[in-house]
Amino acid sequence: MRSRSQHQRRKRIVQAAAALASRGGIEAMQMRTVSERAGVALGTLYRYFPSKMDLVVAVVSEELDLLEGSIERRPPRAGDPPQRAVEVLMRATRGLMREPELAEALIRSLLLSDVKTDFGERMTGLLLRAASGTPETAPSSQETASGSAETAPGDIPADDPRRLVARALAGIWTMEMIEMLRGNATAEEIQARLEISAARLLIDA
């Protein structure tokens, strides 16, 4: 278990990397530059993050934490499951596009990195919770061990059609983000296409 100081040091490193990426994209996240900005030795940085892509994945996770926190504080209010799912995706879009350089770095990392990331699963879980109208509630460790907790939307089996279509919608959103970052689509165009896709995919959500 990390100590408080280790946790704070890790957070400083991730925040420094995100700040650099927001100004110069993934190319700006040079390990030495990150270590200097975070105020840690280069060797310390490598102990926390053995490679640049490990660091990028941590930045992706930090951005998802912010999105999940925002959704938890202000759940989507739209009337039906597809509309709620699209609201989540558009909030993610607006949040990322406030810093397009960072957004491009994160999307590129998802496409090019060999490092495993839980981005797809976390986005899928967000969409399932939004579609069902269920806030995020993680079962306690005792409930998990005993199996007594009710199945939450995020715990739907991997081969359940609801999870598969939510994952497909998350994939569509990722590709739409690429088009937007390339200047080939506006937020309004993306939303219109996501609404059509969600209405077709989330029929039984």
N, C-alpha and C. Protein backbone atom coordinates (compact mmCIF):
# COMPACT_ATOMS: atom_id res chain seq x y z
N MET A 1 0.84 -1.19 0.00
CA MET A 1 0.00 0.00 0.00
C MET A 1 0.88 1.25 0.00
N ARG A 2 0.53 2.21 -0.84
CA ARG A 2 1.33 3.43 -0.92
C ARG A 2 1.08 4.31 0.30
N SER A 3 2.15 4.98 0.75
CA SER A 3 2.00 5.95 1.82
C SER A 3 1.37 7.21 1.25
N ARG A 4 0.97 8.10 2.14
CA ARG A 4 0.36 9.36 1.69
C ARG A 4 1.33 10.16 0.83
N SER A 5 2.60 10.18 1.24
CA SER A 5 3.59 10.95 0.47
C SER A 5 3.80 10.33 -0.90
N GLN A 6 3.79 9.01 -1.00
CA GLN A 6 3.93 8.35 -2.30
C GLN A 6 2.74 8.65 -3.20
N HIS A 7 1.55 8.64 -2.61
CA HIS A 7 0.35 8.95 -3.38
C HIS A 7 0.41 10.38 -3.90
N GLN A 8 0.83 11.31 -3.04
CA GLN A 8 0.93 12.71 -3.45
C GLN A 8 1.99 12.90 -4.53
N ARG A 9 3.10 12.17 -4.39
CA ARG A 9 4.17 12.27 -5.40
C ARG A 9 3.67 11.74 -6.75
N ARG A 10 2.97 10.62 -6.72
CA ARG A 10 2.42 10.06 -7.96
C ARG A 10 1.44 11.03 -8.61
N LYS A 11 0.60 11.63 -7.79
CA LYS A 11 -0.39 12.57 -8.31
C LYS A 11 0.30 13.79 -8.93
N ARG A 12 1.37 14.26 -8.31
CA ARG A 12 2.14 15.39 -8.85
C ARG A 12 2.71 15.05 -10.22
N ILE A 13 3.20 13.84 -10.34
CA ILE A 13 3.79 13.40 -11.61
C ILE A 13 2.73 13.36 -12.70
N VAL A 14 1.58 12.79 -12.38
CA VAL A 14 0.50 12.67 -13.38
C VAL A 14 0.00 14.05 -13.78
N GLN A 15 -0.15 14.94 -12.81
CA GLN A 15 -0.61 16.29 -13.11
C GLN A 15 0.41 17.04 -13.96
N ALA A 16 1.69 16.85 -13.69
CA ALA A 16 2.73 17.49 -14.50
C ALA A 16 2.68 16.97 -15.93
N ALA A 17 2.50 15.66 -16.09
CA ALA A 17 2.42 15.08 -17.43
C ALA A 17 1.21 15.61 -18.19
N ALA A 18 0.06 15.70 -17.50
CA ALA A 18 -1.15 16.21 -18.14
C ALA A 18 -0.98 17.66 -18.57
N ALA A 19 -0.33 18.46 -17.71
CA ALA A 19 -0.11 19.87 -18.05
C ALA A 19 0.77 20.01 -19.28
N LEU A 20 1.80 19.18 -19.38
CA LEU A 20 2.68 19.22 -20.55
C LEU A 20 1.95 18.78 -21.80
N ALA A 21 1.16 17.71 -21.68
CA ALA A 21 0.40 17.20 -22.84
C ALA A 21 -0.62 18.21 -23.30
N SER A 22 -1.18 18.98 -22.39
CA SER A 22 -2.20 19.96 -22.76
C SER A 22 -1.62 21.11 -23.57
N ARG A 23 -0.31 21.29 -23.50
CA ARG A 23 0.35 22.37 -24.23
C ARG A 23 1.06 21.90 -25.50
N GLY A 24 1.55 20.66 -25.48
CA GLY A 24 2.31 20.21 -26.64
C GLY A 24 2.03 18.80 -27.09
N GLY A 25 0.92 18.22 -26.61
CA GLY A 25 0.58 16.87 -27.01
C GLY A 25 1.50 15.84 -26.38
N ILE A 26 1.39 14.62 -26.86
CA ILE A 26 2.12 13.50 -26.26
C ILE A 26 3.63 13.69 -26.42
N GLU A 27 4.05 14.40 -27.48
CA GLU A 27 5.48 14.61 -27.70
C GLU A 27 6.10 15.46 -26.59
N ALA A 28 5.29 16.29 -25.96
CA ALA A 28 5.81 17.16 -24.89
C ALA A 28 6.02 16.42 -23.58
N MET A 29 5.47 15.20 -23.49
CA MET A 29 5.59 14.43 -22.25
C MET A 29 6.91 13.67 -22.21
N GLN A 30 8.02 14.39 -22.32
CA GLN A 30 9.34 13.77 -22.18
C GLN A 30 9.58 13.47 -20.70
N MET A 31 10.10 12.29 -20.43
CA MET A 31 10.22 11.86 -19.05
C MET A 31 11.05 12.81 -18.20
N ARG A 32 12.16 13.29 -18.75
CA ARG A 32 12.99 14.23 -17.98
C ARG A 32 12.23 15.52 -17.69
N THR A 33 11.50 16.01 -18.69
CA THR A 33 10.74 17.25 -18.50
C THR A 33 9.65 17.06 -17.46
N VAL A 34 8.99 15.90 -17.50
CA VAL A 34 7.95 15.60 -16.51
C VAL A 34 8.56 15.57 -15.11
N SER A 35 9.69 14.91 -14.97
CA SER A 35 10.32 14.80 -13.64
C SER A 35 10.69 16.18 -13.10
N GLU A 36 11.22 17.04 -13.98
CA GLU A 36 11.59 18.39 -13.54
C GLU A 36 10.37 19.19 -13.12
N ARG A 37 9.30 19.08 -13.91
CA ARG A 37 8.09 19.84 -13.59
C ARG A 37 7.44 19.33 -12.30
N ALA A 38 7.53 18.03 -12.07
CA ALA A 38 6.91 17.45 -10.88
C ALA A 38 7.80 17.57 -9.65
N GLY A 39 9.07 17.96 -9.86
CA GLY A 39 10.00 18.12 -8.74
C GLY A 39 10.46 16.80 -8.15
N VAL A 40 10.63 15.79 -9.02
CA VAL A 40 11.12 14.49 -8.56
C VAL A 40 12.33 14.09 -9.41
N ALA A 41 13.16 13.21 -8.88
CA ALA A 41 14.30 12.71 -9.63
C ALA A 41 13.81 11.83 -10.78
N LEU A 42 14.60 11.79 -11.84
CA LEU A 42 14.22 10.98 -13.00
C LEU A 42 14.09 9.51 -12.62
N GLY A 43 14.98 9.03 -11.78
CA GLY A 43 14.89 7.63 -11.33
C GLY A 43 13.61 7.36 -10.56
N THR A 44 13.18 8.33 -9.76
CA THR A 44 11.92 8.19 -9.03
C THR A 44 10.74 8.08 -9.99
N LEU A 45 10.76 8.92 -11.02
CA LEU A 45 9.70 8.88 -12.03
C LEU A 45 9.61 7.50 -12.66
N TYR A 46 10.75 6.93 -13.00
CA TYR A 46 10.76 5.62 -13.65
C TYR A 46 10.32 4.51 -12.70
N ARG A 47 10.49 4.70 -11.40
CA ARG A 47 9.99 3.70 -10.46
C ARG A 47 8.47 3.69 -10.44
N TYR A 48 7.87 4.85 -10.60
CA TYR A 48 6.41 4.93 -10.64
C TYR A 48 5.87 4.53 -12.01
N PHE A 49 6.56 4.98 -13.05
CA PHE A 49 6.09 4.75 -14.42
C PHE A 49 7.28 4.27 -15.27
N PRO A 50 7.39 2.97 -15.50
CA PRO A 50 8.54 2.41 -16.21
C PRO A 50 8.70 2.91 -17.64
N SER A 51 7.61 3.37 -18.25
CA SER A 51 7.70 3.87 -19.63
C SER A 51 6.80 5.08 -19.81
N LYS A 52 7.03 5.77 -20.88
CA LYS A 52 6.21 6.94 -21.20
C LYS A 52 4.75 6.55 -21.38
N MET A 53 4.50 5.39 -22.00
CA MET A 53 3.12 4.98 -22.23
C MET A 53 2.41 4.62 -20.93
N ASP A 54 3.16 4.09 -19.95
CA ASP A 54 2.57 3.87 -18.63
C ASP A 54 2.09 5.19 -18.03
N LEU A 55 2.87 6.22 -18.25
CA LEU A 55 2.51 7.55 -17.74
C LEU A 55 1.29 8.09 -18.48
N VAL A 56 1.25 7.90 -19.80
CA VAL A 56 0.09 8.35 -20.57
C VAL A 56 -1.17 7.65 -20.09
N VAL A 57 -1.09 6.36 -19.85
CA VAL A 57 -2.24 5.61 -19.36
C VAL A 57 -2.71 6.16 -18.02
N ALA A 58 -1.77 6.55 -17.17
CA ALA A 58 -2.14 7.13 -15.87
C ALA A 58 -2.87 8.46 -16.07
N VAL A 59 -2.45 9.24 -17.05
CA VAL A 59 -3.15 10.50 -17.34
C VAL A 59 -4.56 10.22 -17.84
N VAL A 60 -4.71 9.19 -18.70
CA VAL A 60 -6.04 8.80 -19.17
C VAL A 60 -6.92 8.44 -17.97
N SER A 61 -6.38 7.67 -17.05
CA SER A 61 -7.13 7.26 -15.88
C SER A 61 -7.54 8.46 -15.03
N GLU A 62 -6.64 9.42 -14.90
CA GLU A 62 -6.95 10.64 -14.13
C GLU A 62 -8.10 11.41 -14.77
N GLU A 63 -8.10 11.51 -16.11
CA GLU A 63 -9.18 12.20 -16.81
C GLU A 63 -10.50 11.46 -16.62
N LEU A 64 -10.46 10.13 -16.62
CA LEU A 64 -11.67 9.35 -16.39
C LEU A 64 -12.19 9.53 -14.97
N ASP A 65 -11.26 9.64 -14.01
CA ASP A 65 -11.68 9.91 -12.63
C ASP A 65 -12.47 11.22 -12.56
N LEU A 66 -11.98 12.23 -13.26
CA LEU A 66 -12.67 13.53 -13.25
C LEU A 66 -14.05 13.41 -13.88
N LEU A 67 -14.14 12.67 -14.99
CA LEU A 67 -15.43 12.50 -15.66
C LEU A 67 -16.40 11.73 -14.78
N GLU A 68 -15.92 10.65 -14.17
CA GLU A 68 -16.79 9.86 -13.30
C GLU A 68 -17.28 10.68 -12.11
N GLY A 69 -16.37 11.49 -11.55
CA GLY A 69 -16.78 12.35 -10.44
C GLY A 69 -17.84 13.34 -10.86
N SER A 70 -17.69 13.91 -12.05
CA SER A 70 -18.67 14.87 -12.56
C SER A 70 -20.02 14.20 -12.78
N ILE A 71 -20.01 12.99 -13.33
CA ILE A 71 -21.26 12.27 -13.59
C ILE A 71 -21.94 11.89 -12.28
N GLU A 72 -21.14 11.51 -11.30
CA GLU A 72 -21.70 11.13 -10.00
C GLU A 72 -22.35 12.34 -9.32
N ARG A 73 -21.70 13.50 -9.43
CA ARG A 73 -22.26 14.70 -8.80
C ARG A 73 -23.49 15.21 -9.54
N ARG A 74 -23.44 15.12 -10.87
CA ARG A 74 -24.56 15.61 -11.69
C ARG A 74 -24.95 14.53 -12.69
N PRO A 75 -25.76 13.55 -12.26
CA PRO A 75 -26.15 12.47 -13.17
C PRO A 75 -26.93 13.03 -14.36
N PRO A 76 -26.86 12.35 -15.51
CA PRO A 76 -27.61 12.81 -16.69
C PRO A 76 -29.11 12.82 -16.40
N ARG A 77 -29.79 13.86 -16.91
CA ARG A 77 -31.21 14.05 -16.59
C ARG A 77 -32.14 13.77 -17.77
N ALA A 78 -31.56 13.36 -18.90
CA ALA A 78 -32.40 13.14 -20.09
C ALA A 78 -33.42 12.04 -19.83
N GLY A 79 -34.45 12.03 -20.69
CA GLY A 79 -35.61 11.19 -20.40
C GLY A 79 -35.46 9.71 -20.64
N ASP A 80 -34.68 9.28 -21.65
CA ASP A 80 -34.61 7.85 -21.92
C ASP A 80 -33.15 7.39 -21.97
N PRO A 81 -32.91 6.07 -21.93
CA PRO A 81 -31.53 5.56 -21.87
C PRO A 81 -30.61 6.08 -22.96
N PRO A 82 -31.00 6.06 -24.25
CA PRO A 82 -30.09 6.59 -25.27
C PRO A 82 -29.71 8.04 -25.05
N GLN A 83 -30.67 8.87 -24.65
CA GLN A 83 -30.38 10.29 -24.43
C GLN A 83 -29.43 10.48 -23.25
N ARG A 84 -29.61 9.68 -22.21
CA ARG A 84 -28.71 9.80 -21.05
C ARG A 84 -27.30 9.38 -21.43
N ALA A 85 -27.16 8.32 -22.21
CA ALA A 85 -25.85 7.87 -22.64
C ALA A 85 -25.16 8.94 -23.49
N VAL A 86 -25.91 9.55 -24.40
CA VAL A 86 -25.33 10.59 -25.25
C VAL A 86 -24.92 11.80 -24.41
N GLU A 87 -25.72 12.12 -23.39
CA GLU A 87 -25.36 13.24 -22.52
C GLU A 87 -24.00 12.99 -21.87
N VAL A 88 -23.77 11.76 -21.41
CA VAL A 88 -22.47 11.42 -20.81
C VAL A 88 -21.35 11.60 -21.83
N LEU A 89 -21.56 11.10 -23.05
CA LEU A 89 -20.52 11.19 -24.08
C LEU A 89 -20.24 12.63 -24.48
N MET A 90 -21.26 13.44 -24.54
CA MET A 90 -21.05 14.84 -24.93
C MET A 90 -20.39 15.63 -23.81
N ARG A 91 -20.67 15.28 -22.58
CA ARG A 91 -19.96 15.92 -21.47
C ARG A 91 -18.49 15.54 -21.50
N ALA A 92 -18.21 14.28 -21.84
CA ALA A 92 -16.81 13.85 -22.00
C ALA A 92 -16.15 14.60 -23.14
N THR A 93 -16.88 14.78 -24.24
CA THR A 93 -16.35 15.49 -25.40
C THR A 93 -16.01 16.93 -25.04
N ARG A 94 -16.95 17.61 -24.41
CA ARG A 94 -16.71 19.02 -24.06
C ARG A 94 -15.54 19.15 -23.08
N GLY A 95 -15.47 18.22 -22.12
CA GLY A 95 -14.38 18.28 -21.15
C GLY A 95 -13.02 18.10 -21.81
N LEU A 96 -12.91 17.13 -22.70
CA LEU A 96 -11.64 16.89 -23.38
C LEU A 96 -11.28 18.03 -24.32
N MET A 97 -12.27 18.56 -25.03
CA MET A 97 -11.97 19.57 -26.04
C MET A 97 -11.64 20.93 -25.43
N ARG A 98 -11.76 21.07 -24.12
CA ARG A 98 -11.27 22.29 -23.49
C ARG A 98 -9.75 22.36 -23.62
N GLU A 99 -9.13 21.19 -23.74
CA GLU A 99 -7.67 21.12 -23.94
C GLU A 99 -7.41 20.15 -25.09
N PRO A 100 -7.55 20.61 -26.32
CA PRO A 100 -7.47 19.69 -27.46
C PRO A 100 -6.14 18.98 -27.60
N GLU A 101 -5.04 19.61 -27.20
CA GLU A 101 -3.74 18.94 -27.28
C GLU A 101 -3.72 17.72 -26.36
N LEU A 102 -4.26 17.89 -25.16
CA LEU A 102 -4.34 16.77 -24.22
C LEU A 102 -5.29 15.71 -24.76
N ALA A 103 -6.42 16.13 -25.31
CA ALA A 103 -7.39 15.18 -25.87
C ALA A 103 -6.74 14.34 -26.96
N GLU A 104 -6.00 15.00 -27.85
CA GLU A 104 -5.34 14.26 -28.93
C GLU A 104 -4.32 13.28 -28.37
N ALA A 105 -3.58 13.69 -27.36
CA ALA A 105 -2.59 12.80 -26.75
C ALA A 105 -3.26 11.57 -26.15
N LEU A 106 -4.38 11.78 -25.50
CA LEU A 106 -5.07 10.67 -24.85
C LEU A 106 -5.66 9.72 -25.88
N ILE A 107 -6.30 10.26 -26.90
CA ILE A 107 -6.91 9.40 -27.93
C ILE A 107 -5.82 8.64 -28.68
N ARG A 108 -4.74 9.32 -29.02
CA ARG A 108 -3.63 8.64 -29.71
C ARG A 108 -3.07 7.52 -28.86
N SER A 109 -2.97 7.75 -27.56
CA SER A 109 -2.42 6.72 -26.69
C SER A 109 -3.30 5.48 -26.68
N LEU A 110 -4.61 5.69 -26.75
CA LEU A 110 -5.54 4.56 -26.75
C LEU A 110 -5.38 3.73 -28.02
N LEU A 111 -5.09 4.40 -29.12
CA LEU A 111 -4.98 3.70 -30.40
C LEU A 111 -3.62 3.06 -30.61
N LEU A 112 -2.57 3.69 -30.09
CA LEU A 112 -1.21 3.27 -30.43
C LEU A 112 -0.50 2.50 -29.32
N SER A 113 -0.97 2.63 -28.10
CA SER A 113 -0.24 2.06 -26.98
C SER A 113 -0.41 0.54 -26.90
N ASP A 114 0.70 -0.13 -26.56
CA ASP A 114 0.65 -1.56 -26.28
C ASP A 114 0.35 -1.81 -24.80
N VAL A 115 0.31 -0.74 -24.02
CA VAL A 115 0.04 -0.86 -22.60
C VAL A 115 -1.46 -1.04 -22.39
N LYS A 116 -1.83 -2.02 -21.59
CA LYS A 116 -3.24 -2.30 -21.35
C LYS A 116 -3.86 -1.17 -20.54
N THR A 117 -5.04 -0.75 -20.95
CA THR A 117 -5.77 0.30 -20.23
C THR A 117 -7.22 -0.13 -20.05
N ASP A 118 -7.83 0.34 -18.97
CA ASP A 118 -9.23 -0.01 -18.71
C ASP A 118 -10.18 1.06 -19.22
N PHE A 119 -9.69 1.92 -20.13
CA PHE A 119 -10.51 3.02 -20.63
C PHE A 119 -11.83 2.51 -21.20
N GLY A 120 -11.77 1.50 -22.07
CA GLY A 120 -12.98 0.99 -22.70
C GLY A 120 -13.99 0.47 -21.70
N GLU A 121 -13.49 -0.27 -20.72
CA GLU A 121 -14.39 -0.83 -19.72
C GLU A 121 -15.01 0.25 -18.84
N ARG A 122 -14.22 1.26 -18.51
CA ARG A 122 -14.75 2.32 -17.65
C ARG A 122 -15.77 3.17 -18.40
N MET A 123 -15.51 3.46 -19.66
CA MET A 123 -16.50 4.19 -20.46
C MET A 123 -17.76 3.36 -20.63
N THR A 124 -17.60 2.05 -20.83
CA THR A 124 -18.76 1.17 -20.96
C THR A 124 -19.58 1.18 -19.68
N GLY A 125 -18.89 1.11 -18.54
CA GLY A 125 -19.61 1.15 -17.27
C GLY A 125 -20.36 2.45 -17.07
N LEU A 126 -19.75 3.57 -17.44
CA LEU A 126 -20.42 4.87 -17.35
C LEU A 126 -21.69 4.89 -18.20
N LEU A 127 -21.60 4.35 -19.41
CA LEU A 127 -22.76 4.35 -20.31
C LEU A 127 -23.85 3.44 -19.78
N LEU A 128 -23.48 2.30 -19.22
CA LEU A 128 -24.48 1.38 -18.66
C LEU A 128 -25.20 2.02 -17.49
N ARG A 129 -24.44 2.70 -16.64
CA ARG A 129 -25.07 3.35 -15.49
C ARG A 129 -25.97 4.49 -15.93
N ALA A 130 -25.52 5.24 -16.93
CA ALA A 130 -26.33 6.33 -17.43
C ALA A 130 -27.62 5.81 -18.06
N ALA A 131 -27.48 4.75 -18.86
CA ALA A 131 -28.64 4.21 -19.55
C ALA A 131 -29.66 3.65 -18.56
N SER A 132 -29.16 3.03 -17.48
CA SER A 132 -30.08 2.44 -16.50
C SER A 132 -30.60 3.46 -15.50
N GLY A 133 -29.94 4.62 -15.47
CA GLY A 133 -30.34 5.63 -14.49
C GLY A 133 -29.86 5.32 -13.10
N THR A 134 -28.87 4.42 -12.99
CA THR A 134 -28.35 3.99 -11.70
C THR A 134 -27.07 4.71 -11.39
N PRO A 135 -26.97 5.41 -10.23
CA PRO A 135 -25.70 6.05 -9.87
C PRO A 135 -24.65 5.01 -9.59
N GLU A 136 -23.40 5.44 -9.66
CA GLU A 136 -22.31 4.51 -9.40
C GLU A 136 -22.25 4.18 -7.93
N THR A 137 -22.35 2.89 -7.64
CA THR A 137 -22.22 2.43 -6.27
C THR A 137 -21.38 1.18 -6.29
N ALA A 138 -20.20 1.25 -5.73
CA ALA A 138 -19.31 0.09 -5.71
C ALA A 138 -19.64 -0.76 -4.50
N PRO A 139 -19.77 -2.09 -4.63
CA PRO A 139 -20.03 -2.94 -3.48
C PRO A 139 -18.84 -2.94 -2.53
N SER A 140 -19.12 -3.14 -1.24
CA SER A 140 -18.03 -3.20 -0.28
C SER A 140 -17.25 -4.49 -0.49
N SER A 141 -16.04 -4.56 0.10
CA SER A 141 -15.23 -5.75 -0.06
C SER A 141 -15.92 -6.96 0.55
N GLN A 142 -16.66 -6.77 1.66
CA GLN A 142 -17.36 -7.88 2.28
C GLN A 142 -18.48 -8.37 1.39
N GLU A 143 -19.21 -7.43 0.75
CA GLU A 143 -20.28 -7.82 -0.15
C GLU A 143 -19.73 -8.57 -1.35
N THR A 144 -18.60 -8.10 -1.86
CA THR A 144 -18.00 -8.75 -3.01
C THR A 144 -17.59 -10.17 -2.66
N ALA A 145 -16.98 -10.32 -1.46
CA ALA A 145 -16.51 -11.64 -1.05
C ALA A 145 -17.66 -12.61 -0.82
N SER A 146 -18.76 -12.11 -0.25
CA SER A 146 -19.88 -12.99 0.06
C SER A 146 -20.81 -13.20 -1.10
N GLY A 147 -20.70 -12.28 -2.11
CA GLY A 147 -21.59 -12.40 -3.26
C GLY A 147 -22.99 -11.92 -2.96
N SER A 148 -23.18 -11.17 -1.85
CA SER A 148 -24.52 -10.76 -1.44
C SER A 148 -24.97 -9.47 -2.10
N ALA A 149 -24.05 -8.72 -2.71
CA ALA A 149 -24.42 -7.45 -3.31
C ALA A 149 -25.21 -7.68 -4.58
N GLU A 150 -26.15 -6.82 -4.87
CA GLU A 150 -26.90 -6.91 -6.10
C GLU A 150 -25.99 -6.53 -7.27
N THR A 151 -26.27 -7.11 -8.43
CA THR A 151 -25.46 -6.82 -9.61
C THR A 151 -25.73 -5.40 -10.08
N ALA A 152 -24.69 -4.58 -10.10
CA ALA A 152 -24.80 -3.20 -10.57
C ALA A 152 -24.60 -3.18 -12.07
N PRO A 153 -25.03 -2.10 -12.75
CA PRO A 153 -24.85 -2.02 -14.20
C PRO A 153 -23.42 -2.25 -14.63
N GLY A 154 -22.47 -1.75 -13.85
CA GLY A 154 -21.07 -1.94 -14.20
C GLY A 154 -20.58 -3.36 -14.04
N ASP A 155 -21.40 -4.24 -13.37
CA ASP A 155 -20.99 -5.62 -13.16
C ASP A 155 -21.72 -6.58 -14.10
N ILE A 156 -22.39 -6.07 -15.11
CA ILE A 156 -23.06 -6.92 -16.09
C ILE A 156 -22.01 -7.80 -16.77
N PRO A 157 -22.27 -9.09 -16.97
CA PRO A 157 -21.28 -9.99 -17.56
C PRO A 157 -20.76 -9.49 -18.90
N ALA A 158 -19.52 -9.87 -19.21
CA ALA A 158 -18.86 -9.38 -20.41
C ALA A 158 -19.60 -9.75 -21.69
N ASP A 159 -20.29 -10.90 -21.68
CA ASP A 159 -20.97 -11.33 -22.90
C ASP A 159 -22.44 -10.93 -22.94
N ASP A 160 -22.87 -10.13 -21.95
CA ASP A 160 -24.25 -9.66 -21.95
C ASP A 160 -24.44 -8.65 -23.09
N PRO A 161 -25.52 -8.77 -23.88
CA PRO A 161 -25.73 -7.84 -25.01
C PRO A 161 -25.72 -6.37 -24.60
N ARG A 162 -26.19 -6.05 -23.40
CA ARG A 162 -26.20 -4.65 -22.97
C ARG A 162 -24.77 -4.11 -22.84
N ARG A 163 -23.87 -4.94 -22.32
CA ARG A 163 -22.48 -4.50 -22.20
C ARG A 163 -21.84 -4.39 -23.58
N LEU A 164 -22.15 -5.31 -24.44
CA LEU A 164 -21.55 -5.30 -25.77
C LEU A 164 -21.96 -4.06 -26.56
N VAL A 165 -23.25 -3.69 -26.48
CA VAL A 165 -23.68 -2.53 -27.26
C VAL A 165 -23.17 -1.24 -26.64
N ALA A 166 -23.05 -1.19 -25.30
CA ALA A 166 -22.49 -0.01 -24.65
C ALA A 166 -21.02 0.14 -25.04
N ARG A 167 -20.30 -0.97 -25.12
CA ARG A 167 -18.90 -0.92 -25.55
C ARG A 167 -18.80 -0.45 -27.00
N ALA A 168 -19.75 -0.90 -27.83
CA ALA A 168 -19.75 -0.46 -29.23
C ALA A 168 -19.99 1.04 -29.33
N LEU A 169 -20.90 1.55 -28.49
CA LEU A 169 -21.18 2.99 -28.51
C LEU A 169 -19.96 3.78 -28.05
N ALA A 170 -19.25 3.27 -27.05
CA ALA A 170 -18.01 3.93 -26.60
C ALA A 170 -16.98 3.95 -27.72
N GLY A 171 -16.93 2.88 -28.50
CA GLY A 171 -16.01 2.84 -29.63
C GLY A 171 -16.37 3.84 -30.71
N ILE A 172 -17.66 3.96 -30.98
CA ILE A 172 -18.12 4.96 -31.96
C ILE A 172 -17.73 6.36 -31.51
N TRP A 173 -17.90 6.63 -30.22
CA TRP A 173 -17.54 7.95 -29.69
C TRP A 173 -16.05 8.22 -29.86
N THR A 174 -15.21 7.21 -29.60
CA THR A 174 -13.77 7.38 -29.76
C THR A 174 -13.42 7.77 -31.19
N MET A 175 -14.03 7.09 -32.16
CA MET A 175 -13.76 7.42 -33.56
C MET A 175 -14.29 8.81 -33.93
N GLU A 176 -15.41 9.20 -33.34
CA GLU A 176 -15.94 10.55 -33.58
C GLU A 176 -15.01 11.60 -33.00
N MET A 177 -14.41 11.29 -31.85
CA MET A 177 -13.44 12.23 -31.27
C MET A 177 -12.25 12.43 -32.20
N ILE A 178 -11.82 11.37 -32.84
CA ILE A 178 -10.71 11.48 -33.79
C ILE A 178 -11.09 12.42 -34.93
N GLU A 179 -12.31 12.26 -35.46
CA GLU A 179 -12.76 13.14 -36.54
C GLU A 179 -12.81 14.59 -36.09
N MET A 180 -13.24 14.82 -34.86
CA MET A 180 -13.32 16.18 -34.34
C MET A 180 -11.92 16.78 -34.18
N LEU A 181 -10.99 15.98 -33.66
CA LEU A 181 -9.62 16.46 -33.46
C LEU A 181 -8.94 16.76 -34.79
N ARG A 182 -9.34 16.07 -35.84
CA ARG A 182 -8.80 16.33 -37.18
C ARG A 182 -9.47 17.52 -37.86
N GLY A 183 -10.49 18.06 -37.22
CA GLY A 183 -11.20 19.19 -37.81
C GLY A 183 -12.25 18.79 -38.83
N ASN A 184 -12.63 17.49 -38.81
CA ASN A 184 -13.59 16.99 -39.79
C ASN A 184 -15.01 16.92 -39.27
N ALA A 185 -15.24 17.32 -38.03
CA ALA A 185 -16.58 17.24 -37.46
C ALA A 185 -16.72 18.28 -36.35
N THR A 186 -17.93 18.79 -36.20
CA THR A 186 -18.25 19.71 -35.11
C THR A 186 -18.91 18.92 -33.98
N ALA A 187 -19.01 19.57 -32.82
CA ALA A 187 -19.67 18.92 -31.69
C ALA A 187 -21.12 18.61 -32.03
N GLU A 188 -21.77 19.50 -32.76
CA GLU A 188 -23.17 19.28 -33.13
C GLU A 188 -23.32 18.07 -34.05
N GLU A 189 -22.41 17.92 -34.99
CA GLU A 189 -22.45 16.77 -35.90
C GLU A 189 -22.21 15.46 -35.15
N ILE A 190 -21.24 15.51 -34.24
CA ILE A 190 -20.96 14.32 -33.44
C ILE A 190 -22.17 13.93 -32.60
N GLN A 191 -22.79 14.92 -31.97
CA GLN A 191 -23.95 14.62 -31.13
C GLN A 191 -25.07 14.01 -31.96
N ALA A 192 -25.31 14.55 -33.14
CA ALA A 192 -26.39 14.01 -33.99
C ALA A 192 -26.12 12.56 -34.34
N ARG A 193 -24.88 12.22 -34.68
CA ARG A 193 -24.56 10.84 -35.04
C ARG A 193 -24.62 9.92 -33.82
N LEU A 194 -24.17 10.43 -32.67
CA LEU A 194 -24.25 9.62 -31.46
C LEU A 194 -25.70 9.35 -31.06
N GLU A 195 -26.55 10.33 -31.25
CA GLU A 195 -27.97 10.13 -30.91
C GLU A 195 -28.58 9.05 -31.78
N ILE A 196 -28.25 9.04 -33.06
CA ILE A 196 -28.76 7.99 -33.95
C ILE A 196 -28.21 6.63 -33.53
N SER A 197 -26.92 6.57 -33.26
CA SER A 197 -26.30 5.30 -32.87
C SER A 197 -26.86 4.78 -31.55
N ALA A 198 -26.98 5.67 -30.57
CA ALA A 198 -27.49 5.25 -29.26
C ALA A 198 -28.93 4.77 -29.36
N ALA A 199 -29.74 5.46 -30.16
CA ALA A 199 -31.14 5.06 -30.31
C ALA A 199 -31.26 3.67 -30.92
N ARG A 200 -30.32 3.31 -31.81
CA ARG A 200 -30.35 1.99 -32.44
C ARG A 200 -29.79 0.92 -31.51
N LEU A 201 -28.74 1.28 -30.76
CA LEU A 201 -28.03 0.27 -29.97
C LEU A 201 -28.66 0.01 -28.61
N LEU A 202 -29.15 1.07 -27.96
CA LEU A 202 -29.59 0.94 -26.56
C LEU A 202 -31.09 0.75 -26.44
N ILE A 203 -31.65 -0.01 -27.33
CA ILE A 203 -33.11 -0.21 -27.35
C ILE A 203 -33.58 -0.87 -26.06
N ASP A 204 -32.84 -1.86 -25.60
CA ASP A 204 -33.29 -2.65 -24.43
C ASP A 204 -32.52 -2.32 -23.17
N ALA A 205 -31.83 -1.17 -23.17
CA ALA A 205 -31.00 -0.85 -21.98
C ALA A 205 -31.88 -0.53 -20.79
